[in-house]
N, C-alpha and C. Protein backbone atom coordinates (compact mmCIF):
# COMPACT_ATOMS: atom_id res chain seq x y z
N MET A 1 114.19 168.73 -14.34
CA MET A 1 113.96 168.30 -13.33
C MET A 1 113.30 169.78 -12.70
N SER A 2 111.25 169.25 -11.86
CA SER A 2 111.35 169.75 -12.33
C SER A 2 111.27 170.57 -11.03
N LYS A 3 110.47 171.17 -9.63
CA LYS A 3 110.84 171.34 -8.90
C LYS A 3 109.70 170.67 -7.68
N LEU A 4 108.70 170.03 -8.47
CA LEU A 4 107.80 168.77 -7.19
C LEU A 4 109.07 167.82 -6.90
N GLU A 5 109.26 167.23 -7.65
CA GLU A 5 111.04 166.65 -8.15
C GLU A 5 111.41 167.14 -7.41
N ILE A 6 112.63 167.89 -7.05
CA ILE A 6 113.11 168.19 -6.38
C ILE A 6 113.06 168.09 -4.92
N ASN A 7 111.90 168.56 -3.83
CA ASN A 7 111.01 168.52 -2.83
C ASN A 7 110.51 166.96 -2.46
N THR A 8 110.16 166.13 -3.52
CA THR A 8 109.87 164.90 -3.28
C THR A 8 111.42 164.21 -3.08
N GLY A 9 112.39 164.96 -3.34
CA GLY A 9 113.94 164.03 -3.17
C GLY A 9 114.26 164.60 -1.89
N ASN A 10 114.28 165.96 -1.74
CA ASN A 10 114.31 166.33 0.12
C ASN A 10 113.47 166.07 1.55
N ALA A 11 112.30 164.90 0.75
CA ALA A 11 111.55 164.63 2.21
C ALA A 11 112.42 163.44 3.04
N ASP A 12 112.95 162.76 1.64
CA ASP A 12 113.15 161.51 2.46
C ASP A 12 114.87 162.17 3.26
N LEU A 13 115.22 162.86 2.59
CA LEU A 13 116.89 163.79 2.65
C LEU A 13 115.79 164.11 4.86
N ILE A 14 115.25 164.90 4.60
CA ILE A 14 115.09 165.46 5.68
C ILE A 14 114.56 164.38 6.84
N SER A 15 114.04 163.29 5.92
CA SER A 15 113.06 162.26 7.41
C SER A 15 114.55 161.78 7.70
N ASP A 16 115.22 161.06 6.92
CA ASP A 16 116.63 160.43 7.42
C ASP A 16 117.00 161.37 8.33
N ILE A 17 116.94 162.59 8.10
CA ILE A 17 117.91 163.96 8.75
C ILE A 17 117.51 163.61 10.39
N SER A 18 115.98 163.96 10.14
CA SER A 18 115.06 164.14 11.30
C SER A 18 115.45 162.52 12.39
N LEU A 19 115.65 161.83 10.99
CA LEU A 19 115.52 160.48 12.32
C LEU A 19 117.08 160.75 13.15
N LEU A 20 117.77 160.36 12.48
CA LEU A 20 118.87 160.96 13.09
C LEU A 20 119.13 161.88 14.27
N ILE A 21 119.02 163.17 14.40
CA ILE A 21 118.57 164.22 14.63
C ILE A 21 117.85 163.50 15.72
N GLU A 22 116.47 163.20 16.10
CA GLU A 22 116.52 162.27 16.93
C GLU A 22 116.28 161.56 17.80
N GLN A 23 118.02 160.29 17.44
CA GLN A 23 117.91 159.64 18.24
C GLN A 23 118.89 159.71 18.41
N SER A 24 120.12 161.16 18.00
CA SER A 24 121.16 161.36 19.20
C SER A 24 120.74 162.29 19.97
N GLN A 25 119.34 162.91 20.18
CA GLN A 25 118.92 163.38 21.21
C GLN A 25 118.00 162.31 22.47
N ARG A 26 118.00 161.29 22.67
CA ARG A 26 117.31 159.87 23.03
C ARG A 26 118.68 159.61 23.63
N HIS A 27 119.66 159.41 22.47
CA HIS A 27 121.04 159.31 22.87
C HIS A 27 121.27 160.32 24.62
N ILE A 28 121.72 161.79 24.51
CA ILE A 28 121.59 162.33 24.40
C ILE A 28 121.57 162.32 25.98
N ALA A 29 120.04 162.48 25.62
CA ALA A 29 119.53 162.26 27.18
C ALA A 29 119.90 161.11 27.96
N THR A 30 119.75 160.07 27.51
CA THR A 30 119.68 158.97 28.30
C THR A 30 121.46 159.27 28.84
N GLN A 31 122.53 159.59 28.17
CA GLN A 31 123.53 159.74 29.11
C GLN A 31 123.54 160.76 29.54
N ALA A 32 122.82 161.59 29.74
CA ALA A 32 122.46 162.61 30.81
C ALA A 32 122.27 161.88 31.83
N ASN A 33 120.87 161.51 31.63
CA ASN A 33 119.68 160.71 33.15
C ASN A 33 120.88 160.33 33.58
N SER A 34 121.75 159.29 33.02
CA SER A 34 122.82 158.30 33.58
C SER A 34 123.48 159.34 34.53
N ALA A 35 124.74 160.27 33.58
CA ALA A 35 125.30 160.43 35.20
C ALA A 35 124.27 161.49 36.67
N LEU A 36 123.35 162.26 36.04
CA LEU A 36 122.93 162.88 37.06
C LEU A 36 122.25 161.77 37.90
N THR A 37 121.15 160.99 37.47
CA THR A 37 121.80 159.54 38.67
C THR A 37 122.89 159.21 39.68
N GLN A 38 123.72 158.63 38.86
CA GLN A 38 125.48 158.38 39.37
C GLN A 38 125.50 159.58 40.71
N LEU A 39 125.43 160.54 40.09
CA LEU A 39 125.40 161.35 40.48
C LEU A 39 124.87 161.92 42.38
N PHE A 40 124.22 162.14 41.96
CA PHE A 40 122.37 161.46 42.86
C PHE A 40 123.15 161.03 43.78
N TRP A 41 123.48 159.84 43.46
CA TRP A 41 124.50 158.10 44.81
C TRP A 41 125.49 158.67 44.92
N GLN A 42 125.88 159.10 44.44
CA GLN A 42 128.18 160.35 45.34
C GLN A 42 127.46 160.52 46.09
N ILE A 43 126.30 161.95 45.69
CA ILE A 43 126.11 162.80 46.71
C ILE A 43 125.85 162.03 48.12
N GLY A 44 124.61 161.70 48.05
CA GLY A 44 123.90 160.90 49.07
C GLY A 44 124.75 159.82 49.70
N LYS A 45 125.69 159.11 49.00
CA LYS A 45 126.98 158.47 49.43
C LYS A 45 127.49 159.74 50.31
N ARG A 46 128.30 160.55 50.30
CA ARG A 46 129.03 161.22 50.51
C ARG A 46 128.66 162.13 52.27
N ILE A 47 126.96 162.38 52.15
CA ILE A 47 126.50 162.78 52.68
C ILE A 47 126.38 162.03 54.25
N ASN A 48 126.49 160.32 54.00
CA ASN A 48 125.59 159.59 54.68
C ASN A 48 127.24 159.21 55.51
N ASP A 49 128.57 159.26 55.05
CA ASP A 49 129.88 158.76 54.83
C ASP A 49 130.56 159.43 55.71
N GLU A 50 130.71 160.84 55.16
CA GLU A 50 131.37 162.36 55.82
C GLU A 50 131.02 162.92 56.64
N ILE A 51 129.38 163.47 56.22
CA ILE A 51 129.20 164.14 57.31
C ILE A 51 127.94 163.20 58.01
N LEU A 52 126.90 162.62 58.05
CA LEU A 52 126.33 162.10 58.95
C LEU A 52 127.27 160.36 60.00
N LEU A 53 128.61 160.21 58.96
CA LEU A 53 129.22 159.41 59.68
C LEU A 53 128.23 157.88 59.73
N ASN A 54 127.04 157.85 58.62
CA ASN A 54 126.64 157.30 58.98
C ASN A 54 125.61 156.57 60.55
N LYS A 55 125.15 157.69 61.03
CA LYS A 55 124.66 158.23 62.15
C LYS A 55 123.68 158.67 61.65
N ARG A 56 122.03 158.49 62.87
CA ARG A 56 121.48 159.09 62.52
C ARG A 56 121.15 160.24 63.70
N ALA A 57 121.72 161.21 63.79
CA ALA A 57 121.89 162.46 64.92
C ALA A 57 121.20 163.10 64.34
N ASP A 58 119.84 163.86 65.45
CA ASP A 58 119.57 164.71 65.57
C ASP A 58 120.30 166.13 64.67
N TYR A 59 121.88 166.23 64.72
CA TYR A 59 123.13 167.74 64.46
C TYR A 59 122.56 166.90 62.98
N GLY A 60 122.27 165.68 62.29
CA GLY A 60 122.36 165.89 61.18
C GLY A 60 121.89 166.40 60.21
N LYS A 61 120.32 166.74 60.79
CA LYS A 61 119.19 167.06 59.93
C LYS A 61 119.64 168.50 59.47
N GLN A 62 120.08 169.16 61.21
CA GLN A 62 119.93 170.57 60.31
C GLN A 62 121.41 170.31 59.48
N ILE A 63 123.02 169.68 59.72
CA ILE A 63 124.09 169.86 58.39
C ILE A 63 123.24 169.78 57.09
N VAL A 64 121.86 168.79 56.54
CA VAL A 64 121.04 168.33 55.65
C VAL A 64 121.24 169.77 54.96
N VAL A 65 120.09 170.33 55.80
CA VAL A 65 119.33 171.40 55.96
C VAL A 65 120.21 172.30 55.23
N THR A 66 121.19 172.53 55.88
CA THR A 66 122.74 173.74 56.17
C THR A 66 123.16 173.81 54.09
N VAL A 67 123.58 171.92 54.24
CA VAL A 67 124.38 171.58 52.76
C VAL A 67 123.24 171.72 51.50
N SER A 68 122.02 172.01 51.62
CA SER A 68 121.11 171.59 50.81
C SER A 68 120.59 173.50 50.78
N ARG A 69 120.37 174.37 51.42
CA ARG A 69 120.75 175.64 50.92
C ARG A 69 121.65 176.73 50.17
N GLN A 70 122.61 175.52 50.81
CA GLN A 70 123.96 176.38 49.90
C GLN A 70 123.86 175.57 48.24
N LEU A 71 123.84 174.09 48.37
CA LEU A 71 123.58 173.77 47.50
C LEU A 71 122.53 174.16 45.64
N GLU A 72 121.39 174.71 47.19
CA GLU A 72 120.72 174.55 45.73
C GLU A 72 120.48 177.07 45.05
N THR A 73 121.15 177.23 46.27
CA THR A 73 121.60 178.62 46.24
C THR A 73 122.43 178.61 44.96
N LYS A 74 123.46 177.80 44.84
CA LYS A 74 124.56 177.29 43.91
C LYS A 74 124.02 176.65 42.31
N TYR A 75 123.30 175.69 42.96
CA TYR A 75 122.28 174.33 41.33
C TYR A 75 121.46 174.75 41.10
N GLY A 76 120.30 175.01 42.29
CA GLY A 76 119.17 175.43 41.54
C GLY A 76 117.97 173.73 42.84
N ARG A 77 117.40 173.57 42.62
CA ARG A 77 115.69 173.05 43.27
C ARG A 77 116.30 171.18 43.23
N SER A 78 117.16 171.33 42.22
CA SER A 78 117.62 169.67 42.34
C SER A 78 117.82 169.24 43.88
N PHE A 79 118.53 170.49 44.60
CA PHE A 79 119.29 170.02 45.44
C PHE A 79 118.60 170.58 46.87
N SER A 80 117.29 170.53 46.90
CA SER A 80 116.21 171.50 48.46
C SER A 80 116.79 170.18 49.57
N ASP A 81 115.67 170.29 50.64
CA ASP A 81 117.11 169.24 51.43
C ASP A 81 115.57 167.99 50.93
N ARG A 82 114.83 168.10 50.74
CA ARG A 82 114.57 166.78 50.40
C ARG A 82 114.96 165.87 49.85
N ASN A 83 115.19 166.29 48.44
CA ASN A 83 116.22 165.75 47.19
C ASN A 83 117.06 165.27 47.19
N LEU A 84 118.16 165.97 48.70
CA LEU A 84 119.40 165.52 49.24
C LEU A 84 119.23 164.31 49.95
N ARG A 85 117.60 163.92 50.83
CA ARG A 85 117.47 163.53 51.93
C ARG A 85 117.07 162.40 50.65
N ARG A 86 116.31 162.42 49.71
CA ARG A 86 116.73 160.75 48.34
C ARG A 86 117.92 160.22 48.50
N MET A 87 118.85 160.87 48.10
CA MET A 87 119.45 160.91 47.43
C MET A 87 120.68 160.57 48.96
N MET A 88 120.27 160.42 49.88
CA MET A 88 121.22 159.53 50.55
C MET A 88 120.51 158.38 51.34
N GLN A 89 119.45 158.38 50.90
CA GLN A 89 118.31 156.66 51.32
C GLN A 89 118.81 156.30 49.44
N PHE A 90 119.12 156.80 48.62
CA PHE A 90 119.64 156.01 47.43
C PHE A 90 121.17 155.22 47.87
N ALA A 91 122.34 155.73 48.33
CA ALA A 91 122.89 155.61 48.56
C ALA A 91 123.24 154.27 49.59
N THR A 92 121.86 154.53 50.34
CA THR A 92 121.68 153.79 51.58
C THR A 92 121.25 152.13 51.41
N VAL A 93 119.39 152.36 50.51
CA VAL A 93 119.11 151.21 49.88
C VAL A 93 119.78 150.43 48.44
N PHE A 94 120.29 151.21 47.59
CA PHE A 94 121.28 150.73 46.74
C PHE A 94 122.98 151.14 47.16
N ASN A 95 123.11 150.15 47.94
CA ASN A 95 124.23 150.51 48.39
C ASN A 95 125.84 150.20 48.46
N ASP A 96 125.58 149.62 46.73
CA ASP A 96 126.60 149.12 46.05
C ASP A 96 126.55 149.47 44.62
N PHE A 97 127.40 151.14 44.21
CA PHE A 97 127.75 151.16 43.26
C PHE A 97 127.33 150.95 41.72
N LYS A 98 128.91 149.78 42.12
CA LYS A 98 128.51 148.63 40.91
C LYS A 98 127.34 147.76 40.51
N ILE A 99 126.11 147.45 41.13
CA ILE A 99 125.20 147.70 40.57
C ILE A 99 124.24 149.42 40.18
N VAL A 100 124.21 150.22 40.56
CA VAL A 100 123.55 151.53 40.68
C VAL A 100 124.24 151.70 38.82
N THR A 101 125.77 151.18 38.72
CA THR A 101 126.09 151.94 37.57
C THR A 101 125.43 151.93 36.50
N PRO A 102 124.61 150.11 36.10
CA PRO A 102 123.97 149.36 35.14
C PRO A 102 122.47 149.99 34.80
N LEU A 103 122.15 150.22 36.03
CA LEU A 103 120.98 150.05 35.79
C LEU A 103 120.73 151.89 35.54
N ALA A 104 121.30 152.28 36.54
CA ALA A 104 121.33 154.55 35.91
C ALA A 104 121.91 154.58 34.42
N THR A 105 121.95 153.50 33.51
CA THR A 105 121.98 153.86 31.68
C THR A 105 120.80 153.41 31.53
N GLN A 106 119.84 152.62 32.40
CA GLN A 106 118.48 152.08 31.91
C GLN A 106 117.07 152.73 32.77
N LEU A 107 117.05 153.12 34.25
CA LEU A 107 116.17 153.94 34.30
C LEU A 107 116.41 155.26 34.86
N SER A 108 115.96 155.75 35.03
CA SER A 108 115.64 157.69 35.35
C SER A 108 115.05 157.21 37.13
N TRP A 109 115.70 158.80 37.41
CA TRP A 109 115.49 158.92 38.91
C TRP A 109 114.47 158.68 39.27
N SER A 110 113.52 158.30 38.62
CA SER A 110 112.09 158.60 39.53
C SER A 110 112.25 157.69 39.13
N HIS A 111 112.31 156.09 38.41
CA HIS A 111 112.07 154.76 38.09
C HIS A 111 112.97 155.02 40.39
N PHE A 112 113.96 155.50 40.17
CA PHE A 112 114.65 154.58 41.99
C PHE A 112 113.81 155.12 42.80
N ILE A 113 113.54 156.70 42.73
CA ILE A 113 112.90 157.18 44.42
C ILE A 113 111.22 155.83 44.30
N GLU A 114 110.67 154.96 42.91
CA GLU A 114 109.44 154.73 42.93
C GLU A 114 110.10 153.75 43.96
N LEU A 115 111.48 152.59 43.24
CA LEU A 115 112.25 151.54 44.14
C LEU A 115 112.28 151.44 45.67
N PHE A 116 112.68 152.82 45.77
CA PHE A 116 113.34 153.30 47.75
C PHE A 116 112.16 152.19 47.91
N PRO A 117 111.25 152.58 48.89
CA PRO A 117 110.49 152.33 49.42
C PRO A 117 110.24 150.52 50.08
N LEU A 118 110.11 150.00 48.61
CA LEU A 118 110.19 148.15 49.19
C LEU A 118 111.37 147.91 49.86
N LYS A 119 110.73 147.01 50.68
CA LYS A 119 111.28 146.41 51.59
C LYS A 119 112.65 145.31 51.71
N THR A 120 112.03 144.48 50.28
CA THR A 120 113.47 143.29 50.20
C THR A 120 114.34 144.20 49.35
N ASP A 121 115.74 144.00 48.69
CA ASP A 121 116.78 143.94 47.59
C ASP A 121 116.01 143.23 46.69
N GLU A 122 115.42 142.12 46.61
CA GLU A 122 114.62 141.29 45.34
C GLU A 122 113.47 142.15 45.05
N ALA A 123 112.83 142.18 45.61
CA ALA A 123 111.55 142.77 45.45
C ALA A 123 112.46 144.19 44.18
N ARG A 124 113.44 144.79 45.23
CA ARG A 124 113.58 146.16 44.21
C ARG A 124 114.37 145.75 42.84
N MET A 125 115.29 144.82 42.96
CA MET A 125 116.19 144.33 41.85
C MET A 125 114.84 143.62 40.85
N PHE A 126 114.31 142.97 41.52
CA PHE A 126 112.92 142.60 40.29
C PHE A 126 111.94 143.04 39.74
N TYR A 127 111.81 144.67 40.36
CA TYR A 127 110.87 145.70 39.42
C TYR A 127 111.61 146.52 38.73
N ALA A 128 112.96 146.38 38.89
CA ALA A 128 113.98 147.21 38.25
C ALA A 128 114.08 146.70 37.23
N GLN A 129 114.38 145.45 36.76
CA GLN A 129 114.82 144.35 36.02
C GLN A 129 113.05 144.52 35.23
N LYS A 130 111.98 144.91 35.52
CA LYS A 130 110.70 144.49 34.87
C LYS A 130 110.78 145.64 33.80
N SER A 131 111.74 146.63 34.34
CA SER A 131 111.21 148.00 33.69
C SER A 131 111.53 148.65 33.10
N ILE A 132 113.41 147.33 33.20
CA ILE A 132 114.43 147.92 31.89
C ILE A 132 113.41 146.79 30.65
N GLU A 133 113.05 145.60 31.28
CA GLU A 133 112.43 144.47 29.83
C GLU A 133 111.44 144.80 29.05
N GLU A 134 110.38 145.87 29.85
CA GLU A 134 108.78 146.22 29.61
C GLU A 134 109.21 147.54 29.19
N SER A 135 109.77 148.39 29.24
CA SER A 135 110.53 149.47 29.46
C SER A 135 109.73 150.42 29.82
N TRP A 136 108.98 149.80 31.76
CA TRP A 136 108.01 150.88 31.43
C TRP A 136 108.35 151.92 32.65
N GLY A 137 107.77 153.36 32.11
CA GLY A 137 107.85 154.25 32.62
C GLY A 137 107.32 154.11 34.21
N LYS A 138 107.74 155.48 34.49
CA LYS A 138 108.08 155.35 35.58
C LYS A 138 106.18 155.18 36.64
N ARG A 139 104.97 155.18 36.14
CA ARG A 139 104.10 154.98 36.05
C ARG A 139 103.47 154.37 35.94
N ALA A 140 103.93 153.38 34.76
CA ALA A 140 103.49 151.40 34.67
C ALA A 140 104.57 150.75 35.74
N LEU A 141 105.40 151.86 36.49
CA LEU A 141 106.42 150.29 37.68
C LEU A 141 105.66 151.29 38.04
N LYS A 142 104.82 152.20 38.51
CA LYS A 142 103.83 152.53 40.52
C LYS A 142 102.74 151.77 40.11
N GLU A 143 101.97 151.55 39.07
CA GLU A 143 101.10 150.47 38.58
C GLU A 143 102.01 148.97 39.34
N GLN A 144 102.56 148.59 39.21
CA GLN A 144 102.84 147.29 38.66
C GLN A 144 103.53 147.36 40.42
N ILE A 145 103.21 147.78 41.47
CA ILE A 145 104.40 147.77 42.91
C ILE A 145 102.82 147.58 43.16
N GLU A 146 102.14 148.80 43.05
CA GLU A 146 100.74 148.74 43.36
C GLU A 146 99.77 147.83 43.21
N ARG A 147 100.17 146.70 42.48
CA ARG A 147 99.35 145.65 41.95
C ARG A 147 99.65 144.82 42.42
N LYS A 148 101.76 144.73 43.18
CA LYS A 148 102.08 143.45 44.01
C LYS A 148 102.50 142.53 42.98
N ALA A 149 102.85 143.03 42.18
CA ALA A 149 103.18 141.93 40.69
C ALA A 149 104.57 141.30 41.44
N PHE A 150 105.73 142.02 41.94
CA PHE A 150 106.71 141.29 42.66
C PHE A 150 106.05 139.85 43.68
N GLU A 151 105.22 140.38 44.73
CA GLU A 151 104.19 138.93 45.95
C GLU A 151 103.83 138.58 44.34
N ARG A 152 102.60 138.43 43.80
CA ARG A 152 102.19 137.45 42.95
C ARG A 152 103.03 136.46 42.30
N ASN A 153 104.05 137.03 41.37
CA ASN A 153 104.99 135.82 40.53
C ASN A 153 105.97 135.69 41.86
N GLU A 154 106.47 135.61 43.12
CA GLU A 154 106.43 135.03 44.50
C GLU A 154 105.50 133.67 44.47
N ILE A 155 104.54 134.43 44.36
CA ILE A 155 103.34 133.54 44.56
C ILE A 155 103.05 132.21 43.36
N ALA A 156 103.62 132.96 42.92
CA ALA A 156 103.21 131.80 41.09
C ALA A 156 105.02 130.67 41.12
N ASN A 157 105.68 131.42 41.84
CA ASN A 157 107.13 130.56 41.33
C ASN A 157 107.28 129.73 42.59
N THR A 158 106.59 129.90 44.11
CA THR A 158 106.15 129.50 44.70
C THR A 158 105.13 127.33 44.35
N GLN A 159 104.72 128.25 43.96
CA GLN A 159 103.47 127.16 43.68
C GLN A 159 104.48 126.54 42.42
N LEU A 160 104.81 126.66 41.41
CA LEU A 160 105.89 125.76 40.41
C LEU A 160 106.42 124.68 41.28
N SER A 161 107.42 125.50 41.57
CA SER A 161 108.08 124.54 42.78
C SER A 161 107.54 123.23 43.44
N ASN A 162 106.60 123.56 43.85
CA ASN A 162 105.77 122.37 44.77
C ASN A 162 104.79 121.67 43.90
N PHE A 163 104.79 122.09 42.76
CA PHE A 163 104.04 121.02 41.61
C PHE A 163 104.43 119.56 41.38
N LYS A 164 103.46 119.04 41.77
CA LYS A 164 104.96 117.43 40.96
C LYS A 164 104.03 117.05 40.30
N PRO A 165 105.04 116.92 38.95
CA PRO A 165 104.47 115.87 37.90
C PRO A 165 103.95 114.75 37.80
N GLU A 166 104.43 114.10 38.63
CA GLU A 166 104.04 112.38 38.90
C GLU A 166 102.95 112.33 39.21
N LEU A 167 102.44 113.16 40.13
CA LEU A 167 100.79 113.23 40.99
C LEU A 167 100.18 113.39 39.35
N LEU A 168 100.21 114.65 38.37
CA LEU A 168 99.10 114.27 37.12
C LEU A 168 99.40 113.74 36.48
N LEU A 169 100.74 112.33 36.52
CA LEU A 169 100.89 111.73 35.67
C LEU A 169 99.54 110.93 35.74
N MET A 170 99.78 110.55 37.59
CA MET A 170 98.69 109.47 38.08
C MET A 170 97.76 109.05 37.51
N GLY A 171 96.99 111.34 37.46
CA GLY A 171 95.69 111.31 37.07
C GLY A 171 95.76 110.87 36.01
N MET A 172 96.46 111.41 34.45
CA MET A 172 96.03 111.39 34.07
C MET A 172 96.14 109.40 33.45
N ILE A 173 96.63 108.70 34.20
CA ILE A 173 96.43 107.11 33.92
C ILE A 173 95.36 106.73 34.54
N PHE A 174 94.86 107.50 35.32
CA PHE A 174 93.45 106.44 36.22
C PHE A 174 92.11 107.23 36.11
N THR A 175 92.10 108.64 35.23
CA THR A 175 91.21 108.73 34.18
C THR A 175 90.22 108.06 33.52
């Protein structure tokens, strides 16, 4: 057997091993993202419930800044004042952890940030579900929100529910 034949056999082996490594890396990244997103929800919930007592008091702003400084010093920029406020908003907008948990396994923190400003739970869940079904990244999700995909879908559903097939049949009969 020549050296060339051994290398050709190794190429398939290397390709298979590379595939396994890349699949594991994607799996680990997904798990890490899910755990981080759930952590952010829990932090937001704790701040809302225990520090602010679910009120928007003026002193709450200062408390969030103080907590942020301490966490940022210890754990880094992910715990900046702005991010803590996002975590608090996350726990308010998605107030049921039973909904957050399965979504967090399929959506990134960036996806959730794009969903926060939406006005209704129905719109948020529509875009979350579509992001999962269509494998939308953050940019695609943002674009769909800007294009008002939910509103267009609602209009189409309303038009379908108002559709009267018997009128179509009558038109076919009399033409």
